[in-house]
């Protein structure tokens, strides 16, 4: 329950908000009156000096506002179309994900424990291959800024990693040739 002090503060805040809102309404009305008077004076001066345009200041302002509204509406239509396209893409991706999960569940039921272990082994080899490639890429980037002495050590390490990569890829290739289609599907999932 609120204390009397909190209630008083809340009432004071509400009163101040109402006063501010009223002051804003008054300011808007005054600004509109001043703008209208300024436009009227501008038109009178133009008439006195013989400058008569096809449109009044107010008509030009209304025309500019109309153009802005039209431009904003066009942008909104374009954004709505893009949002619809994104929703369709998300729906397709969600559908594909569900289909993949369904196939994975079916594959898990129909694959023996031995096949699952083989699939895990192949997936581990693939991960080792990717890790080695990442290490080689990182070393290649270091090679660009390395001194001559450091560069020689980095080159030797890259050669060693490339040898490891070649062995891993050869083993991975032979294991994939031995794997059944269910094992391959499980590896890809």
N, C-alpha and C. Protein backbone atom coordinates (compact mmCIF):
# COMPACT_ATOMS: atom_id res chain seq x y z
N UNK A 1 0.85 -1.17 0.00
CA UNK A 1 0.00 0.00 0.00
C UNK A 1 0.89 1.23 0.00
N UNK A 2 0.45 2.24 -0.70
CA UNK A 2 1.25 3.45 -0.85
C UNK A 2 1.14 4.31 0.40
N UNK A 3 2.24 4.93 0.73
CA UNK A 3 2.27 5.84 1.88
C UNK A 3 1.65 7.17 1.46
N UNK A 4 1.25 7.99 2.44
CA UNK A 4 0.68 9.31 2.10
C UNK A 4 1.65 10.16 1.28
N UNK A 5 2.92 10.04 1.57
CA UNK A 5 3.92 10.82 0.82
C UNK A 5 3.96 10.37 -0.64
N UNK A 6 3.92 9.05 -0.90
CA UNK A 6 3.90 8.54 -2.26
C UNK A 6 2.65 8.97 -3.00
N UNK A 7 1.50 8.96 -2.32
CA UNK A 7 0.25 9.39 -2.93
C UNK A 7 0.33 10.87 -3.32
N UNK A 8 0.88 11.68 -2.43
CA UNK A 8 1.02 13.10 -2.69
C UNK A 8 1.93 13.33 -3.91
N UNK A 9 3.04 12.57 -3.97
CA UNK A 9 3.97 12.70 -5.10
C UNK A 9 3.28 12.29 -6.41
N UNK A 10 2.52 11.22 -6.36
CA UNK A 10 1.83 10.75 -7.55
C UNK A 10 0.80 11.78 -8.03
N UNK A 11 0.06 12.37 -7.09
CA UNK A 11 -0.91 13.40 -7.44
C UNK A 11 -0.21 14.61 -8.04
N UNK A 12 0.93 14.98 -7.46
CA UNK A 12 1.70 16.11 -7.97
C UNK A 12 2.21 15.82 -9.39
N UNK A 13 2.69 14.59 -9.61
CA UNK A 13 3.18 14.21 -10.94
C UNK A 13 2.04 14.24 -11.95
N UNK A 14 0.86 13.77 -11.58
CA UNK A 14 -0.30 13.80 -12.48
C UNK A 14 -0.69 15.24 -12.81
N UNK A 15 -0.68 16.10 -11.80
CA UNK A 15 -1.03 17.51 -12.01
C UNK A 15 -0.03 18.17 -12.96
N UNK A 16 1.25 17.89 -12.74
CA UNK A 16 2.28 18.46 -13.61
C UNK A 16 2.15 17.95 -15.05
N UNK A 17 1.82 16.69 -15.21
CA UNK A 17 1.62 16.12 -16.55
C UNK A 17 0.45 16.79 -17.25
N UNK A 18 -0.64 17.00 -16.52
CA UNK A 18 -1.80 17.68 -17.10
C UNK A 18 -1.45 19.11 -17.51
N UNK A 19 -0.71 19.80 -16.64
CA UNK A 19 -0.31 21.17 -16.96
C UNK A 19 0.59 21.21 -18.19
N UNK A 20 1.53 20.24 -18.27
CA UNK A 20 2.41 20.19 -19.42
C UNK A 20 1.63 19.91 -20.71
N UNK A 21 0.68 18.99 -20.64
CA UNK A 21 -0.14 18.67 -21.81
C UNK A 21 -0.93 19.90 -22.26
N UNK A 22 -1.48 20.63 -21.29
CA UNK A 22 -2.24 21.82 -21.63
C UNK A 22 -1.33 22.88 -22.24
N UNK A 23 -0.14 23.04 -21.68
CA UNK A 23 0.81 24.01 -22.23
C UNK A 23 1.22 23.62 -23.65
N UNK A 24 1.39 22.34 -23.91
CA UNK A 24 1.74 21.87 -25.25
C UNK A 24 0.61 22.17 -26.24
N UNK A 25 -0.65 21.95 -25.84
CA UNK A 25 -1.78 22.26 -26.71
C UNK A 25 -1.83 23.75 -27.03
N UNK A 26 -1.59 24.58 -26.01
CA UNK A 26 -1.59 26.03 -26.22
C UNK A 26 -0.46 26.41 -27.17
N UNK A 27 0.73 25.82 -26.96
CA UNK A 27 1.87 26.13 -27.82
C UNK A 27 1.60 25.72 -29.27
N UNK A 28 0.96 24.60 -29.47
CA UNK A 28 0.64 24.15 -30.83
C UNK A 28 -0.34 25.12 -31.49
N UNK A 29 -1.36 25.54 -30.74
CA UNK A 29 -2.34 26.48 -31.29
C UNK A 29 -1.67 27.81 -31.63
N UNK A 30 -0.79 28.30 -30.73
CA UNK A 30 -0.09 29.55 -31.01
C UNK A 30 0.82 29.42 -32.23
N UNK A 31 1.51 28.31 -32.34
CA UNK A 31 2.40 28.10 -33.49
C UNK A 31 1.59 28.07 -34.78
N UNK A 32 0.43 27.44 -34.75
CA UNK A 32 -0.43 27.38 -35.94
C UNK A 32 -0.91 28.79 -36.32
N UNK A 33 -1.30 29.57 -35.30
CA UNK A 33 -1.75 30.94 -35.57
C UNK A 33 -0.61 31.78 -36.16
N UNK A 34 0.57 31.69 -35.56
CA UNK A 34 1.72 32.46 -36.05
C UNK A 34 2.09 32.06 -37.47
N UNK A 35 2.06 30.77 -37.75
CA UNK A 35 2.39 30.29 -39.09
C UNK A 35 1.38 30.80 -40.10
N UNK A 36 0.10 30.75 -39.72
CA UNK A 36 -0.95 31.24 -40.61
C UNK A 36 -0.79 32.74 -40.87
N UNK A 37 -0.48 33.50 -39.82
CA UNK A 37 -0.29 34.94 -39.98
C UNK A 37 0.93 35.23 -40.86
N UNK A 38 2.01 34.47 -40.65
CA UNK A 38 3.22 34.68 -41.45
C UNK A 38 2.94 34.37 -42.92
N UNK A 39 2.21 33.32 -43.18
CA UNK A 39 1.87 32.98 -44.57
C UNK A 39 1.00 34.07 -45.19
N UNK A 40 0.04 34.56 -44.41
CA UNK A 40 -0.81 35.63 -44.91
C UNK A 40 -0.01 36.88 -45.24
N UNK A 41 0.91 37.25 -44.35
CA UNK A 41 1.76 38.41 -44.61
C UNK A 41 2.62 38.21 -45.84
N UNK A 42 3.15 36.99 -45.99
CA UNK A 42 3.98 36.70 -47.16
C UNK A 42 3.17 36.86 -48.43
N UNK A 43 1.95 36.38 -48.44
CA UNK A 43 1.09 36.50 -49.61
C UNK A 43 0.76 37.96 -49.90
N UNK A 44 0.50 38.75 -48.83
CA UNK A 44 0.20 40.17 -49.02
C UNK A 44 1.39 40.91 -49.63
N UNK A 45 2.58 40.62 -49.12
CA UNK A 45 3.79 41.28 -49.64
C UNK A 45 4.01 40.90 -51.10
N UNK A 46 3.81 39.64 -51.42
CA UNK A 46 3.96 39.19 -52.81
C UNK A 46 2.99 39.92 -53.72
N UNK A 47 1.74 40.07 -53.26
CA UNK A 47 0.73 40.78 -54.06
C UNK A 47 1.10 42.25 -54.24
N UNK A 48 1.60 42.88 -53.16
CA UNK A 48 1.95 44.31 -53.22
C UNK A 48 3.09 44.55 -54.21
N UNK A 49 4.01 43.66 -54.28
CA UNK A 49 5.15 43.82 -55.19
C UNK A 49 4.94 43.15 -56.55
N UNK A 50 3.79 42.59 -56.73
CA UNK A 50 3.47 42.01 -58.03
C UNK A 50 3.97 40.59 -58.22
N UNK A 51 4.43 39.95 -57.19
CA UNK A 51 4.86 38.56 -57.28
C UNK A 51 3.67 37.68 -56.94
N UNK A 52 3.08 37.12 -57.94
CA UNK A 52 1.95 36.24 -57.68
C UNK A 52 2.32 34.87 -58.21
N UNK A 53 2.44 33.94 -57.34
CA UNK A 53 2.77 32.58 -57.77
C UNK A 53 1.50 31.81 -58.02
N UNK A 54 1.66 30.70 -58.65
CA UNK A 54 0.49 29.87 -58.95
C UNK A 54 -0.07 29.23 -57.69
N UNK A 55 0.80 29.06 -56.69
CA UNK A 55 0.36 28.41 -55.45
C UNK A 55 0.67 29.32 -54.27
N UNK A 56 -0.19 29.26 -53.30
CA UNK A 56 0.06 30.02 -52.08
C UNK A 56 1.05 29.23 -51.22
N UNK A 57 1.56 29.90 -50.22
CA UNK A 57 2.50 29.25 -49.29
C UNK A 57 1.85 28.03 -48.64
N UNK A 58 0.60 28.18 -48.25
CA UNK A 58 -0.11 27.09 -47.61
C UNK A 58 -0.30 25.93 -48.58
N UNK A 59 -0.64 26.22 -49.82
CA UNK A 59 -0.81 25.15 -50.81
C UNK A 59 0.48 24.40 -51.04
N UNK A 60 1.61 25.15 -51.10
CA UNK A 60 2.91 24.48 -51.29
C UNK A 60 3.23 23.58 -50.10
N UNK A 61 2.94 24.06 -48.90
CA UNK A 61 3.21 23.25 -47.70
C UNK A 61 2.36 22.00 -47.71
N UNK A 62 1.08 22.15 -48.07
CA UNK A 62 0.19 20.99 -48.13
C UNK A 62 0.68 20.02 -49.20
N UNK A 63 1.13 20.54 -50.34
CA UNK A 63 1.65 19.69 -51.40
C UNK A 63 2.89 18.94 -50.94
N UNK A 64 3.81 19.63 -50.25
CA UNK A 64 5.01 18.97 -49.74
C UNK A 64 4.65 17.89 -48.72
N UNK A 65 3.70 18.20 -47.85
CA UNK A 65 3.28 17.19 -46.87
C UNK A 65 2.65 16.00 -47.57
N UNK A 66 1.88 16.25 -48.60
CA UNK A 66 1.25 15.17 -49.36
C UNK A 66 2.31 14.29 -49.99
N UNK A 67 3.33 14.92 -50.57
CA UNK A 67 4.43 14.14 -51.16
C UNK A 67 5.15 13.30 -50.11
N UNK A 68 5.39 13.88 -48.93
CA UNK A 68 6.05 13.13 -47.86
C UNK A 68 5.21 11.94 -47.45
N UNK A 69 3.91 12.15 -47.30
CA UNK A 69 3.02 11.06 -46.90
C UNK A 69 3.02 9.96 -47.95
N UNK A 70 2.98 10.33 -49.22
CA UNK A 70 3.01 9.35 -50.31
C UNK A 70 4.31 8.56 -50.30
N UNK A 71 5.44 9.26 -50.10
CA UNK A 71 6.74 8.59 -50.06
C UNK A 71 6.81 7.61 -48.88
N UNK A 72 6.33 8.07 -47.72
CA UNK A 72 6.36 7.21 -46.52
C UNK A 72 5.45 6.00 -46.72
N UNK A 73 4.28 6.21 -47.34
CA UNK A 73 3.37 5.09 -47.59
C UNK A 73 4.01 4.07 -48.53
N UNK A 74 4.72 4.56 -49.55
CA UNK A 74 5.40 3.65 -50.48
C UNK A 74 6.48 2.84 -49.76
N UNK A 75 7.22 3.53 -48.89
CA UNK A 75 8.25 2.83 -48.12
C UNK A 75 7.62 1.79 -47.21
N UNK A 76 6.50 2.13 -46.59
CA UNK A 76 5.82 1.18 -45.71
C UNK A 76 5.34 -0.05 -46.48
N UNK A 77 4.80 0.17 -47.67
CA UNK A 77 4.34 -0.96 -48.50
C UNK A 77 5.52 -1.87 -48.82
N UNK A 78 6.65 -1.26 -49.19
CA UNK A 78 7.85 -2.03 -49.52
C UNK A 78 8.32 -2.82 -48.29
N UNK A 79 8.31 -2.17 -47.12
CA UNK A 79 8.73 -2.86 -45.89
C UNK A 79 7.79 -4.01 -45.55
N UNK A 80 6.50 -3.81 -45.75
CA UNK A 80 5.52 -4.87 -45.46
C UNK A 80 5.75 -6.05 -46.39
N UNK A 81 6.04 -5.77 -47.67
CA UNK A 81 6.33 -6.86 -48.61
C UNK A 81 7.57 -7.63 -48.17
N UNK A 82 8.61 -6.89 -47.75
CA UNK A 82 9.84 -7.56 -47.32
C UNK A 82 9.58 -8.39 -46.07
N UNK A 83 8.77 -7.86 -45.15
CA UNK A 83 8.45 -8.61 -43.94
C UNK A 83 7.70 -9.89 -44.30
N UNK A 84 6.79 -9.80 -45.27
CA UNK A 84 6.07 -11.00 -45.72
C UNK A 84 7.00 -12.01 -46.33
N UNK A 85 7.97 -11.52 -47.09
CA UNK A 85 8.96 -12.41 -47.70
C UNK A 85 9.81 -13.08 -46.62
N UNK A 86 10.19 -12.31 -45.61
CA UNK A 86 10.97 -12.89 -44.52
C UNK A 86 10.16 -13.94 -43.76
N UNK A 87 8.89 -13.67 -43.55
CA UNK A 87 8.05 -14.65 -42.87
C UNK A 87 7.96 -15.94 -43.67
N UNK A 88 7.84 -15.83 -44.99
CA UNK A 88 7.79 -17.02 -45.84
C UNK A 88 9.10 -17.79 -45.73
N UNK A 89 10.24 -17.06 -45.78
CA UNK A 89 11.54 -17.71 -45.67
C UNK A 89 11.69 -18.41 -44.32
N UNK A 90 11.23 -17.74 -43.25
CA UNK A 90 11.30 -18.36 -41.93
C UNK A 90 10.42 -19.61 -41.86
N UNK A 91 9.26 -19.54 -42.47
CA UNK A 91 8.36 -20.70 -42.49
C UNK A 91 9.01 -21.86 -43.24
N UNK A 92 9.66 -21.56 -44.39
CA UNK A 92 10.35 -22.61 -45.15
C UNK A 92 11.48 -23.22 -44.34
N UNK A 93 12.26 -22.35 -43.68
CA UNK A 93 13.38 -22.84 -42.88
C UNK A 93 12.88 -23.69 -41.72
N UNK A 94 11.80 -23.25 -41.10
CA UNK A 94 11.22 -24.01 -40.00
C UNK A 94 10.73 -25.36 -40.49
N UNK A 95 10.10 -25.37 -41.65
CA UNK A 95 9.60 -26.62 -42.22
C UNK A 95 10.76 -27.56 -42.55
N UNK A 96 11.83 -27.00 -43.10
CA UNK A 96 13.00 -27.83 -43.43
C UNK A 96 13.63 -28.38 -42.16
N UNK A 97 13.66 -27.56 -41.11
CA UNK A 97 14.24 -28.02 -39.84
C UNK A 97 13.42 -29.17 -39.27
N UNK A 98 12.10 -29.02 -39.31
CA UNK A 98 11.24 -30.09 -38.80
C UNK A 98 11.41 -31.36 -39.61
N UNK A 99 11.51 -31.22 -40.92
CA UNK A 99 11.70 -32.40 -41.77
C UNK A 99 13.04 -33.07 -41.45
N UNK A 100 14.08 -32.26 -41.24
CA UNK A 100 15.39 -32.82 -40.89
C UNK A 100 15.33 -33.55 -39.56
N UNK A 101 14.66 -32.93 -38.58
CA UNK A 101 14.53 -33.58 -37.27
C UNK A 101 13.74 -34.88 -37.37
N UNK A 102 12.70 -34.88 -38.20
CA UNK A 102 11.90 -36.09 -38.40
C UNK A 102 12.75 -37.21 -39.00
N UNK A 103 13.51 -36.85 -40.06
CA UNK A 103 14.36 -37.84 -40.71
C UNK A 103 15.44 -38.35 -39.75
N UNK A 104 15.96 -37.44 -38.94
CA UNK A 104 16.97 -37.84 -37.97
C UNK A 104 16.39 -38.82 -36.96
N UNK A 105 15.17 -38.53 -36.49
CA UNK A 105 14.52 -39.44 -35.54
C UNK A 105 14.29 -40.81 -36.16
N UNK A 106 13.86 -40.82 -37.42
CA UNK A 106 13.65 -42.09 -38.12
C UNK A 106 14.97 -42.82 -38.28
N UNK A 107 16.00 -42.07 -38.66
CA UNK A 107 17.32 -42.69 -38.85
C UNK A 107 17.84 -43.27 -37.55
N UNK A 108 17.64 -42.56 -36.46
CA UNK A 108 18.13 -43.04 -35.16
C UNK A 108 17.44 -44.34 -34.76
N UNK A 109 16.16 -44.45 -35.08
CA UNK A 109 15.44 -45.67 -34.73
C UNK A 109 15.90 -46.86 -35.57
N UNK A 110 16.21 -46.58 -36.85
CA UNK A 110 16.54 -47.68 -37.74
C UNK A 110 18.03 -48.01 -37.78
N UNK A 111 18.86 -47.18 -37.16
CA UNK A 111 20.31 -47.41 -37.21
C UNK A 111 20.74 -48.14 -35.94
N UNK A 112 21.61 -49.10 -36.13
CA UNK A 112 22.10 -49.88 -34.99
C UNK A 112 23.08 -49.04 -34.17
N UNK A 113 23.37 -49.51 -32.99
CA UNK A 113 24.33 -48.83 -32.11
C UNK A 113 25.70 -48.76 -32.76
N UNK A 114 26.06 -49.81 -33.46
CA UNK A 114 27.36 -49.85 -34.14
C UNK A 114 27.44 -48.77 -35.22
N UNK A 115 26.35 -48.61 -35.98
CA UNK A 115 26.31 -47.56 -37.00
C UNK A 115 26.37 -46.16 -36.38
N UNK A 116 25.71 -46.00 -35.24
CA UNK A 116 25.75 -44.70 -34.55
C UNK A 116 27.17 -44.36 -34.11
N UNK A 117 27.86 -45.35 -33.60
CA UNK A 117 29.25 -45.13 -33.17
C UNK A 117 30.14 -44.79 -34.37
N UNK A 118 29.90 -45.49 -35.47
CA UNK A 118 30.67 -45.22 -36.69
C UNK A 118 30.39 -43.80 -37.19
N UNK A 119 29.13 -43.39 -37.12
CA UNK A 119 28.76 -42.03 -37.53
C UNK A 119 29.43 -40.99 -36.63
N UNK A 120 29.47 -41.25 -35.33
CA UNK A 120 30.15 -40.33 -34.39
C UNK A 120 31.63 -40.25 -34.73
N UNK A 121 32.23 -41.40 -35.05
CA UNK A 121 33.66 -41.43 -35.40
C UNK A 121 33.92 -40.61 -36.65
N UNK A 122 33.07 -40.76 -37.67
CA UNK A 122 33.23 -39.98 -38.91
C UNK A 122 33.04 -38.49 -38.63
N UNK A 123 32.04 -38.17 -37.81
CA UNK A 123 31.80 -36.76 -37.47
C UNK A 123 33.01 -36.18 -36.73
N UNK A 124 33.62 -36.99 -35.87
CA UNK A 124 34.83 -36.53 -35.14
C UNK A 124 35.96 -36.29 -36.13
N UNK A 125 36.13 -37.18 -37.09
CA UNK A 125 37.17 -36.98 -38.10
C UNK A 125 36.91 -35.70 -38.91
N UNK A 126 35.67 -35.47 -39.25
CA UNK A 126 35.32 -34.26 -40.00
C UNK A 126 35.64 -33.02 -39.17
N UNK A 127 35.35 -33.07 -37.87
CA UNK A 127 35.65 -31.93 -37.00
C UNK A 127 37.16 -31.71 -36.89
N UNK A 128 37.92 -32.81 -36.80
CA UNK A 128 39.39 -32.69 -36.78
C UNK A 128 39.89 -32.05 -38.06
N UNK A 129 39.31 -32.43 -39.17
CA UNK A 129 39.68 -31.85 -40.47
C UNK A 129 39.41 -30.34 -40.47
N UNK A 130 38.23 -29.94 -40.01
CA UNK A 130 37.88 -28.52 -39.97
C UNK A 130 38.79 -27.74 -39.02
N UNK A 131 39.10 -28.35 -37.87
CA UNK A 131 40.00 -27.69 -36.91
C UNK A 131 41.39 -27.48 -37.51
N UNK A 132 41.88 -28.50 -38.21
CA UNK A 132 43.20 -28.40 -38.85
C UNK A 132 43.19 -27.31 -39.92
N UNK A 133 42.13 -27.26 -40.72
CA UNK A 133 42.02 -26.21 -41.73
C UNK A 133 42.02 -24.82 -41.08
N UNK A 134 41.32 -24.67 -39.97
CA UNK A 134 41.29 -23.39 -39.26
C UNK A 134 42.68 -23.03 -38.75
N UNK A 135 43.39 -24.01 -38.24
CA UNK A 135 44.75 -23.76 -37.75
C UNK A 135 45.67 -23.33 -38.89
N UNK A 136 45.53 -23.99 -40.04
CA UNK A 136 46.36 -23.62 -41.19
C UNK A 136 46.03 -22.20 -41.64
N UNK A 137 44.76 -21.86 -41.67
CA UNK A 137 44.36 -20.49 -42.05
C UNK A 137 44.93 -19.47 -41.09
N UNK A 138 44.87 -19.76 -39.78
CA UNK A 138 45.40 -18.82 -38.79
C UNK A 138 46.91 -18.66 -38.96
N UNK A 139 47.60 -19.77 -39.21
CA UNK A 139 49.05 -19.70 -39.41
C UNK A 139 49.39 -18.92 -40.68
N UNK A 140 48.60 -19.10 -41.72
CA UNK A 140 48.83 -18.37 -42.97
C UNK A 140 48.67 -16.87 -42.75
N UNK A 141 47.70 -16.48 -41.93
CA UNK A 141 47.52 -15.06 -41.62
C UNK A 141 48.71 -14.52 -40.83
N UNK A 142 49.24 -15.32 -39.91
CA UNK A 142 50.41 -14.89 -39.14
C UNK A 142 51.63 -14.74 -40.03
N UNK A 143 51.68 -15.56 -41.06
CA UNK A 143 52.82 -15.56 -41.96
C UNK A 143 53.00 -14.20 -42.64
N UNK A 144 51.92 -13.50 -42.88
CA UNK A 144 51.97 -12.21 -43.57
C UNK A 144 52.77 -11.18 -42.77
N UNK A 145 52.61 -11.17 -41.45
CA UNK A 145 53.25 -10.14 -40.63
C UNK A 145 54.49 -10.65 -39.89
N UNK A 146 54.86 -11.89 -40.12
CA UNK A 146 55.98 -12.49 -39.38
C UNK A 146 57.33 -12.05 -39.96
N UNK A 147 58.34 -12.05 -39.08
CA UNK A 147 59.70 -11.78 -39.54
C UNK A 147 60.21 -13.02 -40.29
N UNK A 148 61.39 -12.91 -40.91
CA UNK A 148 61.92 -14.03 -41.69
C UNK A 148 62.13 -15.26 -40.82
N UNK A 149 62.65 -15.06 -39.63
CA UNK A 149 62.92 -16.18 -38.72
C UNK A 149 61.62 -16.84 -38.27
N UNK A 150 60.64 -16.02 -37.91
CA UNK A 150 59.34 -16.55 -37.49
C UNK A 150 58.64 -17.24 -38.67
N UNK A 151 58.79 -16.66 -39.85
CA UNK A 151 58.13 -17.19 -41.03
C UNK A 151 58.58 -18.62 -41.33
N UNK A 152 59.88 -18.88 -41.15
CA UNK A 152 60.40 -20.22 -41.41
C UNK A 152 59.75 -21.25 -40.47
N UNK A 153 59.63 -20.90 -39.19
CA UNK A 153 58.98 -21.79 -38.22
C UNK A 153 57.50 -22.00 -38.55
N UNK A 154 56.85 -20.92 -38.97
CA UNK A 154 55.43 -21.02 -39.31
C UNK A 154 55.24 -21.90 -40.54
N UNK A 155 56.13 -21.77 -41.53
CA UNK A 155 56.03 -22.60 -42.73
C UNK A 155 56.17 -24.09 -42.39
N UNK A 156 57.13 -24.40 -41.50
CA UNK A 156 57.30 -25.81 -41.09
C UNK A 156 56.04 -26.33 -40.39
N UNK A 157 55.46 -25.50 -39.53
CA UNK A 157 54.24 -25.90 -38.83
C UNK A 157 53.09 -26.10 -39.83
N UNK A 158 53.00 -25.20 -40.81
CA UNK A 158 51.96 -25.34 -41.84
C UNK A 158 52.15 -26.64 -42.61
N UNK A 159 53.40 -26.97 -42.97
CA UNK A 159 53.66 -28.22 -43.69
C UNK A 159 53.25 -29.42 -42.86
N UNK A 160 53.54 -29.38 -41.55
CA UNK A 160 53.17 -30.47 -40.67
C UNK A 160 51.64 -30.60 -40.61
N UNK A 161 50.97 -29.46 -40.46
CA UNK A 161 49.50 -29.46 -40.38
C UNK A 161 48.90 -29.95 -41.69
N UNK A 162 49.51 -29.58 -42.83
CA UNK A 162 49.00 -30.05 -44.12
C UNK A 162 49.16 -31.56 -44.25
N UNK A 163 50.22 -32.11 -43.68
CA UNK A 163 50.39 -33.57 -43.67
C UNK A 163 49.32 -34.24 -42.83
N UNK A 164 49.06 -33.67 -41.66
CA UNK A 164 47.99 -34.20 -40.80
C UNK A 164 46.65 -34.10 -41.52
N UNK A 165 46.43 -32.97 -42.21
CA UNK A 165 45.18 -32.76 -42.94
C UNK A 165 45.03 -33.80 -44.05
N UNK A 166 46.09 -34.07 -44.79
CA UNK A 166 46.03 -35.05 -45.87
C UNK A 166 45.68 -36.44 -45.32
N UNK A 167 46.29 -36.83 -44.20
CA UNK A 167 45.99 -38.13 -43.59
C UNK A 167 44.53 -38.18 -43.11
N UNK A 168 44.09 -37.10 -42.47
CA UNK A 168 42.71 -37.06 -41.96
C UNK A 168 41.72 -37.16 -43.11
N UNK A 169 41.99 -36.42 -44.20
CA UNK A 169 41.08 -36.46 -45.35
C UNK A 169 41.06 -37.83 -46.01
N UNK A 170 42.22 -38.48 -46.09
CA UNK A 170 42.27 -39.83 -46.68
C UNK A 170 41.47 -40.81 -45.83
N UNK A 171 41.65 -40.76 -44.51
CA UNK A 171 40.89 -41.64 -43.61
C UNK A 171 39.40 -41.34 -43.68
N UNK A 172 39.06 -40.06 -43.73
CA UNK A 172 37.67 -39.66 -43.81
C UNK A 172 37.03 -40.17 -45.10
N UNK A 173 37.76 -40.04 -46.21
CA UNK A 173 37.25 -40.50 -47.50
C UNK A 173 37.00 -42.01 -47.48
N UNK A 174 37.95 -42.76 -46.95
CA UNK A 174 37.78 -44.22 -46.94
C UNK A 174 36.64 -44.62 -46.01
N UNK A 175 36.49 -43.93 -44.88
CA UNK A 175 35.39 -44.26 -43.97
C UNK A 175 34.04 -43.91 -44.59
N UNK A 176 33.97 -42.81 -45.32
CA UNK A 176 32.71 -42.44 -45.97
C UNK A 176 32.36 -43.43 -47.08
N UNK A 177 33.37 -43.99 -47.74
CA UNK A 177 33.11 -45.01 -48.76
C UNK A 177 32.54 -46.28 -48.14
N UNK A 178 32.97 -46.58 -46.92
CA UNK A 178 32.49 -47.76 -46.22
C UNK A 178 31.11 -47.55 -45.58
N UNK A 179 30.77 -46.31 -45.31
CA UNK A 179 29.55 -46.00 -44.56
C UNK A 179 28.30 -46.22 -45.41
N UNK A 180 27.25 -46.67 -44.74
CA UNK A 180 25.96 -46.83 -45.42
C UNK A 180 25.31 -45.46 -45.56
N UNK A 181 24.26 -45.42 -46.37
CA UNK A 181 23.58 -44.13 -46.58
C UNK A 181 22.96 -43.61 -45.28
N UNK A 182 22.50 -44.52 -44.40
CA UNK A 182 21.93 -44.10 -43.12
C UNK A 182 22.99 -43.48 -42.23
N UNK A 183 24.18 -44.04 -42.25
CA UNK A 183 25.30 -43.49 -41.46
C UNK A 183 25.67 -42.11 -42.00
N UNK A 184 25.73 -41.99 -43.32
CA UNK A 184 26.07 -40.69 -43.92
C UNK A 184 25.02 -39.64 -43.56
N UNK A 185 23.75 -40.04 -43.59
CA UNK A 185 22.68 -39.11 -43.25
C UNK A 185 22.81 -38.68 -41.77
N UNK A 186 23.17 -39.62 -40.93
CA UNK A 186 23.34 -39.32 -39.51
C UNK A 186 24.53 -38.39 -39.30
N UNK A 187 25.59 -38.58 -40.06
CA UNK A 187 26.77 -37.70 -39.96
C UNK A 187 26.39 -36.29 -40.37
N UNK A 188 25.62 -36.16 -41.42
CA UNK A 188 25.23 -34.82 -41.92
C UNK A 188 24.26 -34.13 -40.99
N UNK A 189 23.51 -34.89 -40.23
CA UNK A 189 22.54 -34.29 -39.30
C UNK A 189 23.29 -33.78 -38.12
